[in-house]
Protein backbone atom coordinates (compact mmCIF):
# COMPACT_ATOMS: atom_id res chain seq x y z
CA ARG A 1 97.15 92.89 91.92
CA ILE A 2 100.86 92.81 92.74
CA ASP A 3 102.59 89.60 93.83
CA MET A 4 104.72 90.16 96.94
CA LEU A 5 107.62 87.91 97.82
CA TRP A 6 108.79 88.28 101.42
CA CYS A 7 112.03 86.42 101.98
CA ASP A 8 112.82 84.87 105.35
CA ALA A 9 114.63 87.30 107.63
CA LYS A 10 114.56 85.39 110.92
CA ASP A 11 118.27 85.93 111.66
CA VAL A 12 118.15 89.70 111.12
CA PRO A 13 118.91 91.61 114.36
CA LEU A 14 117.31 94.80 115.63
CA VAL A 15 118.48 98.01 113.97
CA TRP A 16 119.11 101.57 115.09
CA ALA A 17 116.32 103.80 113.69
CA ASP A 18 113.19 105.70 114.58
CA HIS A 19 110.36 103.25 113.90
CA GLN A 20 107.98 105.92 112.53
CA GLY A 21 110.63 107.32 110.20
CA LEU A 22 111.67 103.89 109.00
CA LEU A 23 108.04 102.99 108.34
CA GLN A 24 107.69 106.16 106.23
CA VAL A 25 110.77 105.23 104.19
CA PHE A 26 109.44 101.73 103.46
CA LEU A 27 105.95 103.04 102.65
CA ASN A 28 107.44 105.56 100.23
CA LEU A 29 109.52 102.88 98.49
CA LEU A 30 106.54 100.53 98.22
CA ARG A 31 104.24 103.26 96.90
CA ASN A 32 106.84 104.17 94.28
CA ALA A 33 107.15 100.52 93.27
CA GLN A 34 103.37 100.21 93.06
CA SER A 35 103.22 103.24 90.74
CA ALA A 36 106.06 101.91 88.59
CA LEU A 37 104.26 98.58 88.21
CA ALA A 38 100.96 100.09 87.04
CA SER A 39 101.47 99.03 83.42
CA THR A 40 103.61 95.94 84.06
CA GLU A 41 102.28 92.52 83.17
CA SER A 42 102.58 90.16 86.17
CA PRO A 43 103.84 92.86 88.59
CA ARG A 44 106.03 91.67 91.46
CA ILE A 45 107.82 93.18 94.44
CA GLU A 46 110.46 91.20 96.31
CA ILE A 47 111.70 92.16 99.77
CA ARG A 48 114.90 90.62 101.13
CA ALA A 49 116.77 91.40 104.33
CA HIS A 50 120.16 90.11 105.42
CA ARG A 51 122.86 90.88 107.92
CA GLU A 52 126.25 92.16 106.94
CA THR A 53 129.11 92.87 109.37
CA ASP A 54 127.56 95.75 111.34
CA THR A 55 124.49 96.51 109.23
CA VAL A 56 121.20 95.08 108.08
CA VAL A 57 120.51 95.46 104.37
CA VAL A 58 116.95 95.44 103.02
CA ASP A 59 116.46 95.22 99.26
CA ILE A 60 113.13 96.14 97.68
CA THR A 61 113.09 95.01 94.05
CA ASP A 62 110.33 95.36 91.48
CA ASN A 63 110.01 94.04 87.93
CA GLY A 64 108.75 97.30 86.44
CA PRO A 65 110.26 99.38 83.64
CA GLY A 66 113.15 100.63 85.75
CA VAL A 67 114.32 104.21 86.22
CA SER A 68 115.15 106.28 83.15
CA GLU A 69 117.33 108.92 84.90
CA PRO A 70 118.72 107.40 88.10
CA GLU A 71 121.21 110.26 88.56
CA HIS A 72 118.27 112.52 89.52
CA LEU A 73 116.44 110.11 91.85
CA PHE A 74 117.46 111.66 95.16
CA SER A 75 117.28 115.31 94.07
CA ARG A 76 114.64 117.47 95.65
CA PHE A 77 112.07 119.15 93.42
CA ARG A 78 112.91 116.89 90.49
CA GLU A 79 110.93 117.88 87.41
CA GLY A 80 108.34 115.34 86.28
CA SER A 81 108.17 113.53 89.60
CA ARG A 82 105.21 113.18 91.89
CA VAL A 83 104.95 115.41 94.96
CA GLN A 84 107.66 117.69 93.58
CA GLY A 85 110.29 114.97 93.94
CA LEU A 86 110.58 115.08 97.71
CA GLY A 87 109.80 111.43 98.55
CA LEU A 88 113.13 109.82 97.78
CA TYR A 89 115.09 112.91 98.80
CA LEU A 90 113.44 112.88 102.25
CA SER A 91 113.69 109.10 102.54
CA ARG A 92 117.45 109.21 101.95
CA ALA A 93 117.83 112.13 104.38
CA MET A 94 115.91 110.18 107.01
CA MET A 95 118.08 107.09 106.48
CA MET A 96 121.20 109.23 106.86
CA SER A 97 119.81 110.66 110.11
CA PHE A 98 119.82 107.04 111.38
CA HIS A 99 123.47 106.69 110.18
CA GLY A 100 122.17 104.45 107.40
CA ASP A 101 121.76 104.86 103.66
CA LEU A 102 119.31 104.48 100.79
CA ARG A 103 120.67 103.53 97.36
CA TYR A 104 119.31 102.65 93.93
CA GLU A 105 120.56 100.12 91.42
CA ALA A 106 119.08 98.80 88.21
CA ALA A 107 117.62 95.31 88.35
CA GLU A 108 116.96 93.03 85.40
CA PRO A 109 114.13 93.81 84.89
CA GLY A 110 113.09 96.68 87.12
CA ALA A 111 114.57 98.65 89.97
CA ARG A 112 116.12 97.86 93.34
CA PHE A 113 116.27 100.19 96.32
CA THR A 114 118.62 99.19 99.12
CA VAL A 115 118.09 100.37 102.70
CA GLU A 116 121.13 100.00 104.94
CA LEU A 117 120.74 100.25 108.72
CA LEU A 118 123.16 99.99 111.64
CA ILE A 119 122.64 97.04 113.94
CA ALA A 120 121.50 98.11 117.42
CA ASN A 121 124.00 97.26 120.15
């Protein structure tokens, strides 16, 4: 069982993205978080969305062990990763195709992945 915290995002506008592709990015991030939390006591995932000037930022944060080699996260065919390391590589490429971005930063404890999307005009 993983506790999920969904933060209120009622003031977040529509974004520019392919809905199927964006769904795949979020599913990949959540599956990765689920795997990272497998041996974590009281596992938790928090999802927050907020508006910045011309973007919407979505943070997905878990309280797992974190990432040991973050410099290799978005490399394709990363050794020791599941599915030959394509998940995060493809997710970032997809976000860039929407003129957005996908970033990682360490959280205390855990990991945070940030999805940045352009606001639809």
